[in-house]
Protein backbone atom coordinates (compact mmCIF):
# COMPACT_ATOMS: atom_id res chain seq x y z
CA UNK A 1 -83.15 -9.38 36.90
CA UNK A 2 -79.58 -8.91 38.11
CA UNK A 3 -79.46 -12.50 39.41
CA UNK A 4 -80.63 -13.79 36.03
CA UNK A 5 -77.95 -11.78 34.25
CA UNK A 6 -75.32 -13.09 36.63
CA UNK A 7 -76.46 -16.64 36.03
CA UNK A 8 -76.30 -16.25 32.26
CA UNK A 9 -73.03 -14.34 32.10
CA UNK A 10 -71.06 -15.85 35.00
CA UNK A 11 -72.30 -19.43 35.10
CA UNK A 12 -73.87 -20.59 31.87
CA UNK A 13 -71.81 -18.65 29.32
CA UNK A 14 -68.54 -19.21 31.17
CA UNK A 15 -68.85 -22.89 30.30
CA UNK A 16 -68.69 -21.99 26.59
CA UNK A 17 -65.43 -20.89 24.99
CA UNK A 18 -65.23 -17.22 24.14
CA UNK A 19 -64.77 -17.81 20.40
CA UNK A 20 -68.09 -19.68 20.23
CA UNK A 21 -69.88 -16.90 22.11
CA UNK A 22 -68.56 -14.35 19.60
CA UNK A 23 -69.40 -16.54 16.60
CA UNK A 24 -72.99 -16.91 17.78
CA UNK A 25 -73.19 -13.17 18.29
CA UNK A 26 -71.87 -12.44 14.75
CA UNK A 27 -74.42 -14.85 13.27
CA UNK A 28 -77.25 -13.04 15.02
CA UNK A 29 -76.11 -9.57 13.94
CA UNK A 30 -76.12 -8.57 10.31
CA UNK A 31 -72.85 -6.93 9.28
CA UNK A 32 -74.05 -5.69 5.89
CA UNK A 33 -74.92 -2.11 7.02
CA UNK A 34 -71.52 -1.79 8.64
CA UNK A 35 -69.74 -2.99 5.51
CA UNK A 36 -71.59 -0.51 3.30
CA UNK A 37 -70.95 2.42 5.63
CA UNK A 38 -67.29 1.44 5.95
CA UNK A 39 -66.76 1.29 2.20
CA UNK A 40 -68.42 4.69 1.71
CA UNK A 41 -66.32 6.19 4.48
CA UNK A 42 -63.19 4.63 2.94
CA UNK A 43 -63.83 6.21 -0.45
CA UNK A 44 -64.61 9.63 1.01
CA UNK A 45 -61.61 9.52 3.34
CA UNK A 46 -59.29 8.49 0.48
CA UNK A 47 -60.37 11.47 -1.58
CA UNK A 48 -60.04 13.81 1.39
CA UNK A 49 -56.56 12.51 2.25
CA UNK A 50 -55.38 12.81 -1.34
CA UNK A 51 -56.70 16.37 -1.54
CA UNK A 52 -55.03 17.27 1.75
CA UNK A 53 -51.70 15.88 0.58
CA UNK A 54 -52.08 17.64 -2.77
CA UNK A 55 -52.71 21.04 -1.18
CA UNK A 56 -50.02 20.66 1.46
CA UNK A 57 -47.35 19.22 -0.86
CA UNK A 58 -47.99 21.97 -3.42
CA UNK A 59 -47.48 24.58 -0.70
CA UNK A 60 -44.32 22.82 0.45
CA UNK A 61 -42.68 22.58 -2.98
CA UNK A 62 -43.52 26.23 -3.69
CA UNK A 63 -42.00 27.27 -0.36
CA UNK A 64 -38.88 25.15 -0.96
CA UNK A 65 -38.59 26.70 -4.41
CA UNK A 66 -38.60 30.16 -2.84
CA UNK A 67 -36.12 29.14 -0.14
CA UNK A 68 -33.82 27.64 -2.78
CA UNK A 69 -34.08 30.83 -4.81
CA UNK A 70 -33.12 32.90 -1.76
CA UNK A 71 -29.99 30.79 -1.18
CA UNK A 72 -29.08 31.04 -4.85
CA UNK A 73 -29.64 34.80 -4.78
CA UNK A 74 -27.24 35.07 -1.84
CA UNK A 75 -24.47 33.60 -3.98
CA UNK A 76 -25.61 35.64 -6.99
CA UNK A 77 -25.45 38.88 -4.99
CA UNK A 78 -21.90 38.07 -3.85
CA UNK A 79 -20.89 37.29 -7.45
CA UNK A 80 -22.46 40.52 -8.72
CA UNK A 81 -20.65 42.54 -6.07
CA UNK A 82 -17.36 40.89 -7.07
CA UNK A 83 -17.99 41.36 -10.82
CA UNK A 84 -18.66 45.10 -10.36
CA UNK A 85 -15.84 45.70 -7.85
CA UNK A 86 -13.15 48.20 -8.86
CA UNK A 87 -10.46 45.74 -7.81
CA UNK A 88 -11.54 43.04 -10.26
CA UNK A 89 -12.33 45.56 -12.99
CA UNK A 90 -8.80 47.01 -12.75
CA UNK A 91 -7.19 43.55 -12.73
CA UNK A 92 -9.13 42.50 -15.84
CA UNK A 93 -8.13 45.75 -17.55
CA UNK A 94 -4.46 44.97 -16.85
CA UNK A 95 -4.95 41.36 -17.97
CA UNK A 96 -6.17 42.43 -21.40
CA UNK A 97 -3.61 45.22 -21.66
CA UNK A 98 -0.48 45.19 -23.82
CA UNK A 99 1.92 45.23 -20.86
CA UNK A 100 2.89 41.56 -20.40
CA UNK A 101 4.29 42.11 -16.91
CA UNK A 102 1.09 43.79 -15.76
CA UNK A 103 -0.96 41.02 -17.40
CA UNK A 104 1.01 38.33 -15.57
CA UNK A 105 0.63 40.18 -12.29
CA UNK A 106 -3.10 40.50 -12.94
CA UNK A 107 -3.40 36.70 -13.20
CA UNK A 108 -2.08 36.29 -9.67
CA UNK A 109 -4.17 39.19 -8.46
CA UNK A 110 -7.35 37.61 -9.84
CA UNK A 111 -6.65 34.38 -7.92
CA UNK A 112 -6.14 36.44 -4.76
CA UNK A 113 -9.42 38.32 -5.31
CA UNK A 114 -11.31 35.04 -5.65
CA UNK A 115 -9.71 33.66 -2.50
CA UNK A 116 -10.52 36.83 -0.55
CA UNK A 117 -14.13 36.78 -1.76
CA UNK A 118 -14.93 33.08 -1.35
CA UNK A 119 -12.17 31.63 0.84
CA UNK A 120 -14.31 31.93 3.96
CA UNK A 121 -17.32 30.24 2.33
CA UNK A 122 -17.06 26.51 3.19
CA UNK A 123 -19.74 25.60 0.68
CA UNK A 124 -17.83 27.11 -2.28
CA UNK A 125 -15.39 24.45 -3.51
CA UNK A 126 -14.28 26.06 -6.80
CA UNK A 127 -14.03 29.64 -8.04
CA UNK A 128 -12.50 30.78 -11.33
CA UNK A 129 -12.49 33.72 -13.76
CA UNK A 130 -12.62 32.81 -17.47
CA UNK A 131 -11.48 35.28 -20.11
CA UNK A 132 -13.31 36.13 -23.33
CA UNK A 133 -11.92 32.98 -24.96
CA UNK A 134 -13.40 30.89 -22.13
CA UNK A 135 -9.94 30.07 -20.75
CA UNK A 136 -9.46 29.87 -16.96
CA UNK A 137 -7.30 32.72 -15.59
CA UNK A 138 -5.42 30.71 -12.96
CA UNK A 139 -1.74 29.73 -13.43
CA UNK A 140 -2.00 26.86 -10.92
CA UNK A 141 -5.14 25.08 -12.13
CA UNK A 142 -4.74 21.55 -13.49
CA UNK A 143 -5.19 21.37 -17.26
CA UNK A 144 -7.98 18.70 -17.21
CA UNK A 145 -9.96 20.74 -14.71
CA UNK A 146 -9.43 23.92 -16.71
CA UNK A 147 -10.66 22.17 -19.88
CA UNK A 148 -13.72 20.83 -18.07
CA UNK A 149 -14.63 24.30 -16.78
CA UNK A 150 -14.06 25.78 -20.23
CA UNK A 151 -16.36 23.18 -21.85
CA UNK A 152 -19.07 23.97 -19.32
CA UNK A 153 -18.72 27.67 -20.09
CA UNK A 154 -19.03 26.97 -23.82
CA UNK A 155 -22.28 25.05 -23.19
CA UNK A 156 -23.81 27.95 -21.27
CA UNK A 157 -26.69 29.73 -23.00
CA UNK A 158 -26.79 33.45 -23.65
CA UNK A 159 -26.73 34.77 -20.06
CA UNK A 160 -28.26 38.20 -20.85
CA UNK A 161 -26.82 39.61 -17.66
CA UNK A 162 -28.36 36.91 -15.42
CA UNK A 163 -26.51 34.14 -13.57
CA UNK A 164 -26.87 30.59 -14.95
CA UNK A 165 -27.02 27.54 -12.69
CA UNK A 166 -26.27 23.99 -13.74
CA UNK A 167 -24.89 20.66 -12.49
CA UNK A 168 -21.15 20.18 -12.79
CA UNK A 169 -18.94 17.10 -12.41
CA UNK A 170 -16.34 18.24 -9.86
CA UNK A 171 -14.19 15.11 -10.29
CA UNK A 172 -14.04 11.69 -8.63
CA UNK A 173 -17.70 11.10 -9.57
CA UNK A 174 -18.92 13.97 -7.38
CA UNK A 175 -21.46 16.46 -8.63
CA UNK A 176 -21.48 20.09 -7.63
CA UNK A 177 -23.72 23.00 -8.48
CA UNK A 178 -22.10 25.59 -10.70
CA UNK A 179 -23.09 29.23 -11.22
CA UNK A 180 -21.79 31.23 -14.19
CA UNK A 181 -22.11 35.03 -14.45
CA UNK A 182 -20.94 37.22 -17.29
CA UNK A 183 -18.52 40.01 -16.29
CA UNK A 184 -18.67 43.26 -18.23
CA UNK A 185 -16.48 46.33 -17.98
CA UNK A 186 -18.43 49.07 -16.23
CA UNK A 187 -16.91 51.73 -18.48
CA UNK A 188 -17.94 50.46 -21.91
CA UNK A 189 -20.19 47.43 -21.13
CA UNK A 190 -17.88 45.18 -23.14
CA UNK A 191 -17.49 41.54 -22.14
CA UNK A 192 -14.63 40.94 -19.70
CA UNK A 193 -15.11 37.21 -19.14
CA UNK A 194 -17.09 34.82 -16.95
CA UNK A 195 -17.19 34.14 -13.22
CA UNK A 196 -17.47 30.43 -12.34
CA UNK A 197 -18.50 29.42 -8.78
CA UNK A 198 -18.81 25.74 -7.77
CA UNK A 199 -21.16 25.16 -4.81
CA UNK A 200 -21.42 21.98 -2.74
CA UNK A 201 -24.94 20.44 -2.75
CA UNK A 202 -24.80 20.33 1.06
CA UNK A 203 -25.26 24.13 1.02
CA UNK A 204 -28.89 23.56 0.06
CA UNK A 205 -29.64 20.74 2.52
CA UNK A 206 -30.94 23.19 5.12
CA UNK A 207 -33.91 24.15 2.98
CA UNK A 208 -35.32 20.70 3.75
CA UNK A 209 -34.95 21.00 7.54
CA UNK A 210 -38.19 20.70 9.46
CA UNK A 211 -40.11 19.58 6.38
CA UNK A 212 -41.75 16.17 6.60
CA UNK A 213 -44.90 15.39 4.65
CA UNK A 214 -45.14 11.95 6.20
CA UNK A 215 -46.33 8.97 4.16
CA UNK A 216 -42.66 8.14 3.35
CA UNK A 217 -42.53 11.10 0.97
CA UNK A 218 -39.26 12.19 -0.61
CA UNK A 219 -38.45 15.78 -1.60
CA UNK A 220 -35.77 16.61 -4.13
CA UNK A 221 -34.76 19.09 -6.82
CA UNK A 222 -34.46 17.76 -10.37
CA UNK A 223 -33.06 19.26 -13.58
CA UNK A 224 -35.79 19.16 -16.21
CA UNK A 225 -33.23 19.02 -19.04
CA UNK A 226 -31.78 15.58 -18.21
CA UNK A 227 -33.66 14.36 -15.15
CA UNK A 228 -30.56 14.60 -12.92
CA UNK A 229 -31.27 15.04 -9.21
CA UNK A 230 -29.62 18.29 -8.10
CA UNK A 231 -30.12 17.93 -4.34
CA UNK A 232 -32.53 16.01 -2.09
CA UNK A 233 -33.60 15.78 1.54
CA UNK A 234 -31.72 12.51 1.99
CA UNK A 235 -27.94 12.65 1.72
CA UNK A 236 -27.37 10.08 -1.02
CA UNK A 237 -25.15 9.98 -4.06
CA UNK A 238 -25.92 11.52 -7.47
CA UNK A 239 -28.68 9.99 -9.53
CA UNK A 240 -31.59 10.62 -11.86
CA UNK A 241 -35.29 10.92 -11.29
CA UNK A 242 -37.62 8.04 -12.20
CA UNK A 243 -38.21 7.95 -16.00
CA UNK A 244 -41.99 7.95 -15.52
CA UNK A 245 -41.68 11.04 -13.31
CA UNK A 246 -39.54 12.73 -15.97
CA UNK A 247 -42.29 12.10 -18.55
CA UNK A 248 -44.89 13.59 -16.21
CA UNK A 249 -42.69 16.65 -15.64
CA UNK A 250 -42.19 17.10 -19.38
CA UNK A 251 -45.94 16.95 -19.98
CA UNK A 252 -46.56 19.51 -17.25
CA UNK A 253 -43.86 21.85 -18.61
CA UNK A 254 -45.33 21.54 -22.09
CA UNK A 255 -48.51 23.12 -20.71
CA UNK A 256 -46.35 25.95 -19.24
CA UNK A 257 -47.44 25.36 -15.66
CA UNK A 258 -45.29 26.76 -12.86
CA UNK A 259 -46.73 24.20 -10.41
CA UNK A 260 -48.63 20.95 -10.88
CA UNK A 261 -49.77 17.75 -9.15
CA UNK A 262 -49.33 14.56 -11.19
CA UNK A 263 -49.67 10.80 -10.80
CA UNK A 264 -47.25 8.23 -12.21
CA UNK A 265 -46.14 4.61 -11.83
CA UNK A 266 -42.51 4.30 -10.78
CA UNK A 267 -39.84 1.84 -11.86
CA UNK A 268 -40.74 -0.27 -8.81
CA UNK A 269 -44.26 -0.72 -10.30
CA UNK A 270 -45.76 1.30 -7.44
CA UNK A 271 -48.13 4.26 -8.03
CA UNK A 272 -46.98 7.68 -6.84
CA UNK A 273 -48.33 11.22 -6.51
CA UNK A 274 -45.93 14.10 -7.15
CA UNK A 275 -46.18 17.84 -6.57
CA UNK A 276 -43.80 19.90 -8.73
CA UNK A 277 -42.88 23.60 -8.74
CA UNK A 278 -40.48 25.54 -10.96
CA UNK A 279 -37.41 27.29 -9.56
CA UNK A 280 -37.50 30.69 -11.31
CA UNK A 281 -34.78 31.50 -13.86
CA UNK A 282 -33.52 27.85 -13.92
CA UNK A 283 -34.38 24.52 -15.51
CA UNK A 284 -34.82 23.03 -12.02
CA UNK A 285 -38.00 21.88 -10.34
CA UNK A 286 -38.80 21.03 -6.73
CA UNK A 287 -40.54 17.64 -6.55
CA UNK A 288 -42.36 15.97 -3.65
CA UNK A 289 -43.07 12.30 -4.44
CA UNK A 290 -45.47 10.33 -2.22
CA UNK A 291 -46.18 6.57 -2.58
CA UNK A 292 -49.88 6.00 -3.12
CA UNK A 293 -49.77 2.87 -0.97
CA UNK A 294 -48.40 4.82 2.00
CA UNK A 295 -50.93 7.57 1.43
CA UNK A 296 -53.84 5.13 1.57
CA UNK A 297 -52.50 3.32 4.63
CA UNK A 298 -53.94 5.95 6.95
CA UNK A 299 -57.19 5.84 5.04
CA UNK A 300 -57.43 2.09 5.52
CA UNK A 301 -56.71 2.56 9.19
CA UNK A 302 -59.51 5.10 9.45
CA UNK A 303 -61.81 2.72 7.59
CA UNK A 304 -61.03 -0.10 9.99
CA UNK A 305 -61.61 2.14 12.98
CA UNK A 306 -64.96 3.23 11.60
CA UNK A 307 -66.02 -0.36 11.08
CA UNK A 308 -64.82 -1.37 14.55
CA UNK A 309 -66.58 1.51 16.27
CA UNK A 310 -69.77 0.84 14.32
CA UNK A 311 -69.64 -2.85 15.17
CA UNK A 312 -69.09 -2.12 18.86
CA UNK A 313 -71.93 0.40 18.99
CA UNK A 314 -74.30 -1.95 17.19
CA UNK A 315 -73.39 -4.90 19.41
CA UNK A 316 -73.78 -2.91 22.62
CA UNK A 317 -77.33 -2.07 21.61
CA UNK A 318 -78.27 -5.70 21.85
CA UNK A 319 -79.06 -7.50 25.08
CA UNK A 320 -77.07 -10.52 24.02
CA UNK A 321 -73.90 -8.44 23.59
CA UNK A 322 -74.38 -7.04 27.09
CA UNK A 323 -74.55 -10.52 28.55
CA UNK A 324 -71.46 -11.66 26.63
CA UNK A 325 -69.56 -8.53 27.63
CA UNK A 326 -70.40 -9.17 31.27
CA UNK A 327 -69.20 -12.75 31.07
CA UNK A 328 -65.87 -11.48 29.77
CA UNK A 329 -65.34 -8.19 31.54
CA UNK A 330 -66.02 -9.27 35.12
CA UNK A 331 -63.30 -11.94 35.22
CA UNK A 332 -60.95 -9.65 33.30
CA UNK A 333 -61.52 -6.85 35.80
CA UNK A 334 -60.55 -9.14 38.62
CA UNK A 335 -57.49 -10.25 36.63
CA UNK A 336 -56.49 -6.62 35.93
CA UNK A 337 -56.93 -5.71 39.59
CA UNK A 338 -54.60 -8.53 40.62
CA UNK A 339 -52.12 -7.49 37.92
CA UNK A 340 -52.07 -3.95 39.28
CA UNK A 341 -51.43 -5.25 42.77
CA UNK A 342 -48.58 -7.35 41.42
CA UNK A 343 -47.21 -4.37 39.53
CA UNK A 344 -47.16 -2.35 42.76
CA UNK A 345 -44.98 -5.05 44.39
CA UNK A 346 -47.48 -7.47 45.93
CA UNK A 347 -46.62 -10.70 44.08
CA UNK A 348 -48.38 -12.97 46.62
CA UNK A 349 -51.97 -12.24 45.57
CA UNK A 350 -53.64 -14.81 43.28
CA UNK A 351 -56.53 -14.82 40.79
CA UNK A 352 -59.71 -16.92 41.19
CA UNK A 353 -59.53 -19.83 38.72
CA UNK A 354 -63.26 -20.66 38.37
CA UNK A 355 -64.52 -21.78 34.94
CA UNK A 356 -62.93 -23.62 32.02
CA UNK A 357 -62.68 -20.93 29.34
CA UNK A 358 -59.62 -19.05 28.07
CA UNK A 359 -59.79 -16.49 30.89
CA UNK A 360 -59.61 -19.27 33.45
CA UNK A 361 -56.57 -20.69 31.63
CA UNK A 362 -55.05 -17.22 31.60
CA UNK A 363 -55.70 -16.88 35.34
CA UNK A 364 -53.92 -20.15 36.07
CA UNK A 365 -50.94 -19.16 33.93
CA UNK A 366 -50.84 -15.80 35.65
CA UNK A 367 -50.77 -17.45 39.06
CA UNK A 368 -47.82 -19.57 37.91
CA UNK A 369 -46.09 -16.51 36.57
CA UNK A 370 -46.63 -14.58 39.80
CA UNK A 371 -45.02 -17.41 41.72
CA UNK A 372 -41.90 -17.17 39.57
CA UNK A 373 -41.87 -13.36 39.49
CA UNK A 374 -40.31 -12.88 42.89
CA UNK A 375 -37.58 -15.42 42.11
CA UNK A 376 -36.72 -13.79 38.80
CA UNK A 377 -36.91 -10.20 40.04
CA UNK A 378 -33.55 -10.16 41.78
CA UNK A 379 -31.86 -11.97 38.88
CA UNK A 380 -33.34 -9.47 36.45
CA UNK A 381 -32.13 -6.50 38.50
CA UNK A 382 -28.61 -7.94 38.53
CA UNK A 383 -28.71 -8.47 34.77
CA UNK A 384 -29.98 -4.92 34.22
CA UNK A 385 -27.13 -3.54 36.32
CA UNK A 386 -24.57 -5.53 34.32
CA UNK A 387 -26.07 -4.46 30.99
CA UNK A 388 -26.18 -0.84 32.16
CA UNK A 389 -22.47 -0.86 32.95
CA UNK A 390 -21.71 -2.50 29.59
CA UNK A 391 -23.83 0.11 27.81
CA UNK A 392 -22.02 2.95 29.58
CA UNK A 393 -18.66 1.55 28.50
CA UNK A 394 -19.89 1.16 24.94
CA UNK A 395 -21.21 4.73 24.93
CA UNK A 396 -17.84 6.04 26.11
CA UNK A 397 -16.09 4.15 23.30
CA UNK A 398 -18.60 5.43 20.77
CA UNK A 399 -18.12 9.01 21.95
CA UNK A 400 -14.35 8.68 21.48
CA UNK A 401 -14.79 7.25 17.98
CA UNK A 402 -17.17 10.05 16.94
CA UNK A 403 -14.43 12.63 17.62
CA UNK A 404 -11.62 10.77 15.80
CA UNK A 405 -10.65 10.75 12.12
CA UNK A 406 -10.94 7.16 10.93
CA UNK A 407 -7.90 7.28 8.60
CA UNK A 408 -5.24 9.07 10.65
CA UNK A 409 -6.37 8.53 14.24
CA UNK A 410 -6.16 12.25 15.08
CA UNK A 411 -9.14 14.44 15.96
CA UNK A 412 -11.70 15.02 13.24
CA UNK A 413 -13.23 18.29 12.02
CA UNK A 414 -16.07 18.14 14.53
CA UNK A 415 -13.68 17.72 17.48
CA UNK A 416 -11.47 20.51 16.14
CA UNK A 417 -14.37 22.98 15.87
CA UNK A 418 -15.33 22.30 19.48
CA UNK A 419 -11.72 22.54 20.72
CA UNK A 420 -10.99 25.80 18.85
CA UNK A 421 -14.06 27.52 20.31
CA UNK A 422 -13.13 26.28 23.79
CA UNK A 423 -9.48 27.37 23.53
CA UNK A 424 -10.47 30.83 22.23
CA UNK A 425 -12.70 31.36 25.26
CA UNK A 426 -10.02 30.10 27.62
CA UNK A 427 -7.35 32.30 26.02
CA UNK A 428 -9.65 35.33 26.22
CA UNK A 429 -10.34 34.72 29.94
CA UNK A 430 -6.69 34.09 30.84
CA UNK A 431 -5.33 36.82 28.54
CA UNK A 432 -2.91 34.29 26.98
CA UNK A 433 -1.96 34.10 23.28
CA UNK A 434 -3.18 31.37 20.96
CA UNK A 435 -1.69 29.99 17.73
CA UNK A 436 -3.21 27.98 14.90
CA UNK A 437 -1.07 26.00 12.43
CA UNK A 438 -2.73 25.01 9.14
CA UNK A 439 -0.69 22.41 7.19
CA UNK A 440 -1.12 21.19 3.63
CA UNK A 441 0.89 18.30 2.12
CA UNK A 442 2.57 19.68 -1.03
CA UNK A 443 1.65 18.19 -4.41
CA UNK A 444 -0.41 15.53 -2.69
CA UNK A 445 -2.73 14.94 -5.66
CA UNK A 446 0.29 14.19 -7.84
CA UNK A 447 1.53 11.83 -5.15
CA UNK A 448 -1.82 10.02 -5.17
CA UNK A 449 -1.86 9.84 -8.97
CA UNK A 450 1.66 8.35 -9.14
CA UNK A 451 1.78 6.07 -6.10
CA UNK A 452 -1.88 5.22 -5.58
CA UNK A 453 -4.46 6.08 -2.93
CA UNK A 454 -3.23 3.43 -0.49
CA UNK A 455 0.22 5.03 -0.49
CA UNK A 456 -1.47 8.41 -0.12
CA UNK A 457 -3.43 7.20 2.92
CA UNK A 458 -0.24 5.82 4.50
CA UNK A 459 1.50 9.15 3.83
CA UNK A 460 -1.29 11.01 5.66
CA UNK A 461 -1.02 8.63 8.61
CA UNK A 462 2.76 9.22 8.82
CA UNK A 463 2.29 13.00 8.69
CA UNK A 464 -0.36 12.73 11.43
CA UNK A 465 2.11 10.87 13.68
CA UNK A 466 4.73 13.60 13.10
CA UNK A 467 2.19 16.26 14.10
CA UNK A 468 1.21 14.35 17.25
CA UNK A 469 4.87 14.08 18.28
CA UNK A 470 5.28 17.83 17.75
CA UNK A 471 2.51 18.65 20.27
CA UNK A 472 4.21 19.95 23.39
CA UNK A 473 1.30 20.17 25.80
CA UNK A 474 -1.76 18.16 26.63
CA UNK A 475 -3.87 21.16 25.56
CA UNK A 476 -2.45 21.10 22.02
CA UNK A 477 -4.82 19.49 19.52
CA UNK A 478 -3.91 17.89 16.18
CA UNK A 479 -6.85 17.43 13.79
CA UNK A 480 -7.46 16.48 10.19
CA UNK A 481 -9.07 19.51 8.59
CA UNK A 482 -9.98 17.79 5.34
CA UNK A 483 -8.23 15.89 2.53
CA UNK A 484 -4.48 16.43 2.92
CA UNK A 485 -4.91 19.40 5.29
CA UNK A 486 -4.18 19.20 9.01
CA UNK A 487 -4.51 21.82 11.71
CA UNK A 488 -2.94 22.24 15.14
CA UNK A 489 -4.29 24.35 18.02
CA UNK A 490 -1.38 25.56 20.17
CA UNK A 491 -2.35 27.23 23.46
CA UNK A 492 -0.21 29.92 25.11
CA UNK A 493 2.09 30.31 22.10
CA UNK A 494 3.44 33.61 20.78
CA UNK A 495 4.26 34.13 17.06
CA UNK A 496 7.92 33.19 17.49
CA UNK A 497 7.13 29.95 19.26
CA UNK A 498 4.44 29.06 16.75
CA UNK A 499 6.77 29.67 13.79
CA UNK A 500 9.50 27.59 15.42
CA UNK A 501 7.11 24.73 16.01
CA UNK A 502 5.90 24.93 12.40
CA UNK A 503 9.48 24.92 11.08
CA UNK A 504 10.28 21.89 13.22
CA UNK A 505 7.27 20.11 11.71
CA UNK A 506 8.37 20.97 8.16
CA UNK A 507 11.89 19.74 8.92
CA UNK A 508 10.58 16.54 10.49
CA UNK A 509 8.38 15.78 7.47
CA UNK A 510 11.23 16.45 5.05
CA UNK A 511 13.57 14.28 7.13
CA UNK A 512 11.18 11.35 6.63
CA UNK A 513 12.54 11.24 3.07
CA UNK A 514 9.30 9.89 1.62
CA UNK A 515 10.05 9.80 -2.14
CA UNK A 516 7.89 12.04 -4.35
CA UNK A 517 9.08 12.00 -7.95
CA UNK A 518 6.56 14.65 -9.05
CA UNK A 519 7.67 17.18 -6.43
CA UNK A 520 10.51 19.64 -7.16
CA UNK A 521 11.89 18.75 -3.72
CA UNK A 522 12.06 15.03 -4.50
CA UNK A 523 10.37 14.13 -1.21
CA UNK A 524 7.11 14.72 0.62
CA UNK A 525 7.08 18.26 2.04
CA UNK A 526 4.48 20.48 3.66
CA UNK A 527 3.44 24.13 3.65
CA UNK A 528 2.19 25.69 6.89
CA UNK A 529 0.20 28.83 7.50
CA UNK A 530 0.39 30.26 11.02
CA UNK A 531 -2.17 32.45 12.80
CA UNK A 532 -0.94 33.80 16.16
CA UNK A 533 -2.98 36.33 18.08
CA UNK A 534 -4.25 37.43 21.47
CA UNK A 535 -7.99 36.54 21.46
CA UNK A 536 -10.66 38.55 23.20
CA UNK A 537 -14.34 37.91 23.86
CA UNK A 538 -15.20 38.98 20.30
CA UNK A 539 -12.66 36.82 18.45
CA UNK A 540 -14.55 34.36 16.23
CA UNK A 541 -13.12 31.00 15.15
CA UNK A 542 -13.74 31.98 11.54
CA UNK A 543 -11.32 34.90 11.88
CA UNK A 544 -8.49 32.70 13.15
CA UNK A 545 -9.15 30.12 10.40
CA UNK A 546 -9.19 32.84 7.77
CA UNK A 547 -5.80 34.21 8.90
CA UNK A 548 -4.24 30.71 8.90
CA UNK A 549 -5.82 29.83 5.55
CA UNK A 550 -4.55 33.01 3.89
CA UNK A 551 -1.08 32.41 5.34
CA UNK A 552 -1.16 28.85 3.96
CA UNK A 553 -2.16 30.24 0.58
CA UNK A 554 0.87 32.57 0.63
CA UNK A 555 3.14 29.68 1.64
CA UNK A 556 2.01 27.65 -1.37
CA UNK A 557 2.11 30.69 -3.64
CA UNK A 558 5.72 31.45 -2.60
CA UNK A 559 6.94 27.99 -3.57
CA UNK A 560 5.69 25.56 -0.88
CA UNK A 561 7.81 23.71 1.74
CA UNK A 562 7.77 26.76 3.96
CA UNK A 563 6.10 28.51 6.87
CA UNK A 564 4.21 31.79 6.56
CA UNK A 565 2.87 33.82 9.47
CA UNK A 566 -0.45 35.56 9.00
CA UNK A 567 -0.69 39.38 8.62
CA UNK A 568 1.88 39.30 5.80
CA UNK A 569 4.79 38.32 8.09
CA UNK A 570 6.77 35.66 6.22
CA UNK A 571 9.33 33.26 7.64
CA UNK A 572 11.01 30.99 5.12
CA UNK A 573 12.66 27.66 5.82
């Protein structure tokens, strides 16, 4: 029996091309049962996949809604604590009082309270107090910005003691999230004004971390009032949700559902499934949109696997399939064995070339390839070595670029954060002082408005070169902190030395004589806040930054073009 099988599979069938063997086999075997079972399995699997995605996406959007609410409540709690604080209550009392001097002093005090409360929060980009007439209580705010904030406050609904969240155009086409809270006097419960807090959308990005539904799904938060996208799991610019999705959301809200699963056809003519969930106390909804085509891709894959497995099992049950398999597998096994030997380093072994089918052709080609393998091996190793060295050089260049500010050529914020933490640890171990200089170009927005952004960029590059020249040691680091702000880490520097270095920088910038018609000084100047301290193992970078930032605030408040040392020690140019 074995000899007969060998004759059929190794001699007779090997003279026939493989495609004709398979065609004859398919003709003999009816595929109709497999097709029916595959279609049934496809339909059942599609329904099961859709149900799985529905359940999981609904859970996800509900969880994101809760996580978003927790982050919003964190800001709301801070705002409530500020609104009820004795300090703010007393300042607002003075502001509304009849004593004009006390009212003017209260204005400045309110700005200081806001800075103390939110200055250390990087995700808060704007903070204002509005009086009963919805006017911003800030003597230094630009009039267009003040009018924009006032208009937003006028549009706010009756707050009824609760914070109100909305989207807000922060300028330059950028959208921020704004929270408004009514402030009432604790003594008589009369209205004292409004608290306005602008929050960067990036503050909410972390709620999407670790969440991936697969199927090319996108998760975002949309305002049901106008369809504007509040924040999403992909860092893209502002935009609006698909109009068809907005209609589906409106229909769901009309039925007063807190969560729903809908289907719609997008602007790209593709069908989608979307899970939506309300964010309590807001007009926002968390949406998870999944393309139907991507969702069914896995189902089609499962269907194909079912059909393939069924076909294989049915074919194996037939004697003819066993003979065909033997005619194919035996030569392939020998070919695989030789390939493994070649892979292990023995490139001299060859494959038997008997027969005239595709496997025999493959064997001949493999033998030719094995002959060339040894010759090409050494050349390939040399090329790999060359490419490896080139890749290492490219990686080193890329690493340098990732730590450099593209406009000014100095270190960027990421490099600065790493350097500050390192220098604090080094200063703590060596018991040496450390200074931090935070510089802000005075009236830079006015300079940009008058001379243009290209002139503004060139001004920042010139200031950066002045700061680099002022660095006395290799350990000093000059970095762009953001916008027109720069920061310098000065190791082993006491307060006197740090102030002197800051004054030299201010003098050097003034001596550049860069014209600035909208500045009271007539030229580009800078204000510098200095933090000088002896760090220990518990000194956090945030503390040093806060001291320097507050000192910079005092420098600008006292008239700009000056140096102020933290801890209320002032040194004026």
